[in-house]
Amino acid sequence: MKNWQNVIKGKFGMGTAPLGNMFKDVPDEQAYETIETAWNEGVRYFDTAPLYGAGLAELRLGKVLSQYSRNDYLLSTKVGRVILDETEEKEGLYADGRKNKVVTNYTEDATKRSIEQSLKRLQTDRIDFVYVHDLSPDYFGDEWVAKFDEARKGAFHVLDQLQDEGVIGGWGLGVNTTIPIELALSMEDVNPSISLSATQYTLLQHEQALQSMMPRAVDNNMGIVVGAPFSSGALLGGDHFNYEKVPPNVKSKIKQLTEIANHHDVSLSAAALQFATAHPAVAAVIPGSTHPNRIKEDIHAMEEKIPEAFWKDLIEKKLISSRAPLPAK
């Protein structure tokens, strides 16, 4: 049985969705420099996915990491998408990514093909953790249950077998809601061991995760990797909250959090990262960025001293749950 608290160095990794040209076009050299900076600052866990720019993030990550020993870092990617040579016009989050057509498919054959494609783009012979991507109601609406069933019969069993054989170190879901992870934890025929939960356990949003997903993860020894710890950048003044426009109520909460953070001379980035990693289910937090300096700031924020009074103020003003585990003094 793995102790997920000690698997990923510093409980910190790098998410690469922004390096797939999410929201904007990022020059290759800037992307490479960002990854290099993360490495030079000691980051040794990198997460990516075929969806991120139709393979762009994987290609960029692979080019940089291929110069280092494969035994020196951990790597995760996702299945559920197959990238075709056929091209199409893009819109949405990855409008500035590669033009290759992306096909959603959670069957056994598609899962194997997705892994093979990722290995080539990443220029590696193995992947440590594999997440089944976007198998969630926020992506598929009412069809998500049918898609979950497709994955249960396909991707889940492929990944479970690879895990049993020691080919991968773990597998689970990579989603933006809590229900799919909870459902996977209740299954008796497969054993997901680590999942990526984006947007759901953050300083801005964590009540629902605390009700079921997080305690069940602890009970089942599932590691949780926290993605989008800044809620798609909203917490730090960005234009997006959970990949959409920031709503007024969230803006108001951010304003309150900012005022209290300023009063205690605390950076919100440090508060967000340390809040996420304080929970015993969390194996790592993986902020993403397209700027080398931001990566440095995030790494240093993990070590920032935060006074206990700051957390007390947040609880008293009901800005965070009183049930949330807090960073040790």
Protein backbone atom coordinates (compact mmCIF):
# COMPACT_ATOMS: atom_id res chain seq x y z
CA MET A 1 0.00 0.00 0.00
CA LYS A 2 1.50 3.32 -1.10
CA ASN A 3 1.90 6.26 1.24
CA TRP A 4 0.94 8.99 -1.21
CA GLN A 5 2.30 11.65 1.13
CA ASN A 6 5.84 10.61 0.18
CA VAL A 7 5.57 9.63 -3.48
CA ILE A 8 5.78 13.06 -5.16
CA LYS A 9 8.70 15.27 -4.16
CA GLY A 10 7.54 18.19 -2.03
CA LYS A 11 3.90 17.33 -2.86
CA PHE A 12 4.36 19.73 -5.76
CA GLY A 13 4.23 19.29 -9.51
CA MET A 14 3.66 21.24 -12.70
CA GLY A 15 0.43 21.20 -14.66
CA THR A 16 0.83 21.82 -18.38
CA ALA A 17 -2.64 22.76 -19.63
CA PRO A 18 -1.51 26.38 -20.21
CA LEU A 19 1.39 25.08 -22.32
CA GLY A 20 -1.15 23.60 -24.72
CA ASN A 21 -2.05 27.22 -25.57
CA MET A 22 -5.06 27.33 -23.26
CA PHE A 23 -6.75 30.72 -23.63
CA LYS A 24 -3.79 32.18 -25.59
CA ASP A 25 -0.92 31.45 -27.96
CA VAL A 26 2.35 30.74 -26.13
CA PRO A 27 5.61 30.80 -28.11
CA ASP A 28 7.57 27.54 -28.12
CA GLU A 29 10.66 29.07 -26.53
CA GLN A 30 8.62 30.54 -23.68
CA ALA A 31 7.02 27.16 -23.03
CA TYR A 32 10.39 25.41 -23.03
CA GLU A 33 11.86 28.00 -20.67
CA THR A 34 8.94 27.55 -18.27
CA ILE A 35 9.47 23.78 -18.11
CA GLU A 36 13.25 24.21 -17.77
CA THR A 37 12.74 26.66 -14.91
CA ALA A 38 10.47 24.23 -13.10
CA TRP A 39 13.12 21.52 -13.45
CA ASN A 40 15.93 23.80 -12.28
CA GLU A 41 13.83 24.77 -9.25
CA GLY A 42 13.52 21.12 -8.27
CA VAL A 43 10.13 20.11 -9.71
CA ARG A 44 10.09 16.39 -10.51
CA TYR A 45 6.44 15.67 -11.27
CA PHE A 46 4.81 16.82 -14.49
CA ASP A 47 1.20 16.29 -15.58
CA THR A 48 -0.12 16.63 -19.11
CA ALA A 49 -2.83 15.36 -21.49
CA PRO A 50 -3.50 14.81 -25.20
CA LEU A 51 -6.35 17.33 -25.00
CA TYR A 52 -3.99 20.19 -24.11
CA GLY A 53 -3.61 21.78 -27.51
CA ALA A 54 -4.26 18.48 -29.35
CA GLY A 55 -0.93 17.08 -28.17
CA LEU A 56 0.98 20.37 -28.06
CA ALA A 57 1.65 20.31 -24.31
CA GLU A 58 2.88 16.71 -24.50
CA LEU A 59 5.21 17.53 -27.40
CA ARG A 60 6.67 20.54 -25.58
CA LEU A 61 7.08 18.62 -22.32
CA GLY A 62 8.65 15.66 -24.09
CA LYS A 63 11.21 17.82 -25.87
CA VAL A 64 12.48 19.29 -22.60
CA LEU A 65 12.28 16.22 -20.36
CA SER A 66 13.94 13.93 -22.91
CA GLN A 67 17.31 15.46 -22.01
CA TYR A 68 17.05 14.16 -18.43
CA SER A 69 17.22 10.66 -16.97
CA ARG A 70 13.77 9.06 -16.97
CA ASN A 71 14.39 7.73 -13.46
CA ASP A 72 14.66 11.27 -12.10
CA TYR A 73 11.04 12.40 -12.55
CA LEU A 74 7.41 11.30 -12.43
CA LEU A 75 5.08 11.80 -15.38
CA SER A 76 1.32 11.56 -15.78
CA THR A 77 -0.96 11.94 -18.76
CA LYS A 78 -4.56 11.10 -19.58
CA VAL A 79 -6.65 8.83 -21.76
CA GLY A 80 -10.04 9.34 -23.38
CA ARG A 81 -8.81 11.28 -26.40
CA VAL A 82 -7.18 10.06 -29.59
CA ILE A 83 -5.41 12.62 -31.79
CA LEU A 84 -5.90 12.22 -35.56
CA ASP A 85 -3.76 13.46 -38.46
CA GLU A 86 -6.92 15.02 -39.87
CA THR A 87 -7.24 18.72 -39.04
CA GLU A 88 -10.14 21.00 -38.17
CA GLU A 89 -10.84 24.58 -37.16
CA LYS A 90 -10.59 25.06 -33.39
CA GLU A 91 -12.57 27.11 -30.88
CA GLY A 92 -12.92 27.25 -27.12
CA LEU A 93 -10.13 26.73 -24.55
CA TYR A 94 -7.59 25.46 -27.07
CA ALA A 95 -8.41 27.55 -30.12
CA ASP A 96 -4.69 28.37 -30.39
CA GLY A 97 -3.52 24.76 -30.08
CA ARG A 98 -2.65 22.34 -32.88
CA LYS A 99 -5.33 21.88 -35.52
CA ASN A 100 -5.40 18.08 -35.29
CA LYS A 101 -8.82 16.59 -34.76
CA VAL A 102 -9.41 15.22 -31.26
CA VAL A 103 -11.75 12.22 -30.88
CA THR A 104 -13.24 11.31 -27.50
CA ASN A 105 -13.22 7.56 -26.89
CA TYR A 106 -12.95 5.54 -23.65
CA THR A 107 -12.93 2.03 -25.13
CA GLU A 108 -10.15 -0.51 -24.60
CA ASP A 109 -8.64 -0.07 -28.06
CA ALA A 110 -8.77 3.72 -27.90
CA THR A 111 -7.15 3.70 -24.46
CA LYS A 112 -4.23 1.63 -25.70
CA ARG A 113 -3.88 3.83 -28.78
CA SER A 114 -3.98 7.00 -26.67
CA ILE A 115 -1.17 5.71 -24.44
CA GLU A 116 0.93 4.73 -27.46
CA GLN A 117 0.49 8.21 -28.97
CA SER A 118 1.37 9.91 -25.69
CA LEU A 119 4.54 7.86 -25.28
CA LYS A 120 5.71 9.03 -28.71
CA ARG A 121 4.87 12.70 -28.11
CA LEU A 122 6.50 12.60 -24.67
CA GLN A 123 9.59 10.80 -26.03
CA THR A 124 9.52 8.28 -23.19
CA ASP A 125 9.08 4.55 -22.65
CA ARG A 126 6.74 4.77 -19.67
CA ILE A 127 4.11 6.83 -17.87
CA ASP A 128 3.85 6.74 -14.09
CA PHE A 129 0.21 7.71 -13.58
CA VAL A 130 -2.67 7.69 -16.07
CA TYR A 131 -5.95 9.55 -15.54
CA VAL A 132 -9.20 8.95 -17.44
CA HIS A 133 -9.94 12.47 -18.63
CA ASP A 134 -13.14 14.55 -18.36
CA LEU A 135 -15.42 11.60 -17.56
CA SER A 136 -17.77 13.98 -15.83
CA PRO A 137 -21.18 15.70 -16.00
CA ASP A 138 -19.60 19.12 -16.54
CA TYR A 139 -18.23 17.87 -19.86
CA PHE A 140 -20.88 15.44 -21.13
CA GLY A 141 -24.06 16.62 -19.39
CA ASP A 142 -26.68 13.87 -19.19
CA GLU A 143 -24.56 11.57 -21.37
CA TRP A 144 -21.82 11.28 -18.78
CA VAL A 145 -23.24 8.11 -17.20
CA ALA A 146 -23.17 6.32 -20.57
CA LYS A 147 -19.59 7.51 -21.11
CA PHE A 148 -18.67 6.32 -17.62
CA ASP A 149 -20.06 2.89 -18.49
CA GLU A 150 -18.00 2.88 -21.69
CA ALA A 151 -14.87 3.63 -19.66
CA ARG A 152 -15.78 1.07 -17.00
CA LYS A 153 -15.83 -1.63 -19.67
CA GLY A 154 -12.79 -0.27 -21.50
CA ALA A 155 -10.28 2.20 -20.06
CA PHE A 156 -10.71 1.15 -16.43
CA HIS A 157 -9.82 -2.48 -17.06
CA VAL A 158 -6.89 -1.63 -19.33
CA LEU A 159 -5.40 0.69 -16.71
CA ASP A 160 -6.15 -1.66 -13.84
CA GLN A 161 -4.27 -4.43 -15.63
CA LEU A 162 -1.31 -2.15 -16.35
CA GLN A 163 -1.28 -1.18 -12.68
CA ASP A 164 -1.38 -4.82 -11.55
CA GLU A 165 1.49 -5.63 -13.91
CA GLY A 166 3.55 -2.72 -12.59
CA VAL A 167 3.65 -1.03 -16.01
CA ILE A 168 2.12 2.12 -14.47
CA GLY A 169 2.36 3.25 -10.87
CA GLY A 170 -1.29 4.18 -10.56
CA TRP A 171 -4.46 5.26 -12.34
CA GLY A 172 -7.71 7.05 -11.67
CA LEU A 173 -9.82 9.89 -13.01
CA GLY A 174 -8.85 13.38 -14.10
CA VAL A 175 -12.03 15.45 -13.70
CA ASN A 176 -13.48 18.80 -12.64
CA THR A 177 -16.29 17.43 -10.42
CA THR A 178 -16.30 15.14 -7.38
CA ILE A 179 -19.00 12.59 -8.32
CA PRO A 180 -16.99 10.53 -10.85
CA ILE A 181 -14.15 9.96 -8.39
CA GLU A 182 -16.61 8.98 -5.68
CA LEU A 183 -18.28 6.54 -8.07
CA ALA A 184 -14.96 5.01 -9.10
CA LEU A 185 -14.06 4.51 -5.45
CA SER A 186 -17.24 2.48 -4.94
CA MET A 187 -16.44 -0.01 -7.72
CA GLU A 188 -15.39 -3.50 -6.64
CA ASP A 189 -13.92 -4.87 -9.88
CA VAL A 190 -11.18 -2.26 -10.34
CA ASN A 191 -8.82 -0.42 -7.99
CA PRO A 192 -8.10 3.19 -8.96
CA SER A 193 -5.27 4.43 -6.75
CA ILE A 194 -4.66 8.09 -7.63
CA SER A 195 -6.91 10.73 -9.22
CA LEU A 196 -6.57 14.29 -10.40
CA SER A 197 -9.26 16.58 -9.05
CA ALA A 198 -9.16 19.98 -10.74
CA THR A 199 -10.97 23.03 -9.28
CA GLN A 200 -12.73 21.05 -6.55
CA TYR A 201 -10.36 21.33 -3.58
CA THR A 202 -9.22 24.93 -3.59
CA LEU A 203 -9.26 27.90 -1.26
CA LEU A 204 -12.28 29.20 -3.18
CA GLN A 205 -14.18 25.92 -3.49
CA HIS A 206 -13.88 22.86 -1.26
CA GLU A 207 -17.09 22.28 0.73
CA GLN A 208 -18.47 19.58 -1.56
CA ALA A 209 -15.14 17.76 -1.79
CA LEU A 210 -14.92 17.65 2.01
CA GLN A 211 -18.35 16.03 2.28
CA SER A 212 -17.46 12.80 0.52
CA MET A 213 -14.63 12.68 -2.00
CA MET A 214 -11.76 13.60 0.30
CA PRO A 215 -12.69 11.40 3.28
CA ARG A 216 -13.44 8.48 0.96
CA ALA A 217 -10.08 8.95 -0.72
CA VAL A 218 -8.39 8.73 2.68
CA ASP A 219 -10.39 5.62 3.61
CA ASN A 220 -9.46 3.93 0.31
CA ASN A 221 -5.84 5.11 0.24
CA MET A 222 -6.40 6.99 -3.01
CA GLY A 223 -4.00 9.85 -3.62
CA ILE A 224 -5.57 13.09 -4.83
CA VAL A 225 -3.61 15.42 -7.09
CA VAL A 226 -5.09 18.92 -6.89
CA GLY A 227 -5.26 20.66 -10.25
CA ALA A 228 -6.15 24.31 -10.89
CA PRO A 229 -5.40 25.32 -7.24
CA PHE A 230 -5.95 28.97 -8.15
CA SER A 231 -9.37 28.19 -9.65
CA SER A 232 -8.19 28.80 -13.23
CA GLY A 233 -6.38 31.93 -12.09
CA ALA A 234 -9.38 33.74 -10.57
CA LEU A 235 -7.83 33.78 -7.09
CA LEU A 236 -4.81 35.68 -8.38
CA GLY A 237 -6.75 38.25 -10.40
CA GLY A 238 -7.28 36.27 -13.59
CA ASP A 239 -10.34 36.44 -15.85
CA HIS A 240 -11.42 32.81 -15.45
CA PHE A 241 -12.96 30.78 -12.62
CA ASN A 242 -13.11 27.02 -13.24
CA TYR A 243 -12.38 27.72 -16.92
CA GLU A 244 -15.28 30.16 -17.32
CA LYS A 245 -15.89 33.88 -16.67
CA VAL A 246 -15.59 34.82 -13.00
CA PRO A 247 -19.10 35.28 -11.49
CA PRO A 248 -19.87 38.25 -9.18
CA ASN A 249 -20.17 36.17 -6.00
CA VAL A 250 -16.72 34.71 -6.57
CA LYS A 251 -15.27 38.18 -7.20
CA SER A 252 -16.69 39.26 -3.86
CA LYS A 253 -15.13 36.31 -2.06
CA ILE A 254 -11.78 36.95 -3.71
CA LYS A 255 -11.93 40.56 -2.55
CA GLN A 256 -12.48 39.42 1.05
CA LEU A 257 -9.70 36.87 0.85
CA THR A 258 -7.34 39.48 -0.58
CA GLU A 259 -8.10 41.97 2.20
CA ILE A 260 -7.42 39.39 4.92
CA ALA A 261 -4.27 38.16 3.18
CA ASN A 262 -2.95 41.71 2.94
CA HIS A 263 -3.74 42.29 6.62
CA HIS A 264 -1.63 39.28 7.60
CA ASP A 265 1.03 39.90 4.93
CA VAL A 266 0.25 36.57 3.28
CA SER A 267 0.31 35.87 -0.45
CA LEU A 268 -2.86 34.21 -1.74
CA SER A 269 -0.79 31.88 -3.88
CA ALA A 270 0.93 30.53 -0.74
CA ALA A 271 -2.40 30.22 1.06
CA ALA A 272 -3.97 28.34 -1.86
CA LEU A 273 -1.10 25.89 -2.36
CA GLN A 274 -0.57 25.18 1.32
CA PHE A 275 -4.31 24.84 1.97
CA ALA A 276 -4.59 22.19 -0.76
CA THR A 277 -1.59 20.15 0.35
CA ALA A 278 -2.63 20.17 4.03
CA HIS A 279 -5.30 17.55 3.43
CA PRO A 280 -4.05 13.99 4.13
CA ALA A 281 -5.58 12.71 0.88
CA VAL A 282 -3.52 15.07 -1.25
CA ALA A 283 -0.45 13.63 -2.96
CA ALA A 284 0.47 16.86 -4.76
CA VAL A 285 -0.74 20.18 -6.04
CA ILE A 286 0.02 21.07 -9.66
CA PRO A 287 -0.34 24.74 -10.61
CA GLY A 288 0.24 25.50 -14.26
CA SER A 289 1.81 28.54 -15.85
CA THR A 290 3.31 29.90 -19.04
CA HIS A 291 5.76 32.18 -17.23
CA PRO A 292 9.07 31.02 -15.72
CA ASN A 293 8.90 33.59 -12.93
CA ARG A 294 5.42 32.44 -11.89
CA ILE A 295 6.67 28.88 -11.51
CA LYS A 296 9.47 30.16 -9.24
CA GLU A 297 6.96 32.11 -7.19
CA ASP A 298 4.71 29.08 -6.75
CA ILE A 299 7.59 26.89 -5.60
CA HIS A 300 8.73 29.46 -3.06
CA ALA A 301 5.12 29.98 -1.94
CA MET A 302 5.06 26.40 -0.69
CA GLU A 303 7.63 27.43 1.94
CA GLU A 304 6.10 30.78 2.93
CA LYS A 305 5.28 31.15 6.62
CA ILE A 306 1.57 31.70 7.18
CA PRO A 307 0.39 32.77 10.65
CA GLU A 308 -2.30 30.74 12.37
CA ALA A 309 -4.30 33.95 12.81
CA PHE A 310 -4.80 34.13 9.04
CA TRP A 311 -6.57 30.78 8.96
CA LYS A 312 -8.62 31.69 12.03
CA ASP A 313 -9.84 34.85 10.32
CA LEU A 314 -10.89 32.88 7.23
CA ILE A 315 -12.85 30.41 9.36
CA GLU A 316 -14.52 33.12 11.45
CA LYS A 317 -15.64 34.94 8.30
CA LYS A 318 -16.81 31.61 6.82
CA LEU A 319 -14.48 31.95 3.86
CA ILE A 320 -13.15 28.43 4.38
CA SER A 321 -14.72 25.39 6.04
CA SER A 322 -13.97 24.73 9.69
CA ARG A 323 -13.68 21.04 8.72
CA ALA A 324 -10.79 21.59 6.33
CA PRO A 325 -7.38 20.38 7.55
CA LEU A 326 -5.01 23.33 7.83
CA PRO A 327 -1.25 23.55 7.31
CA ALA A 328 0.86 22.60 10.32
CA LYS A 329 2.34 25.46 12.30
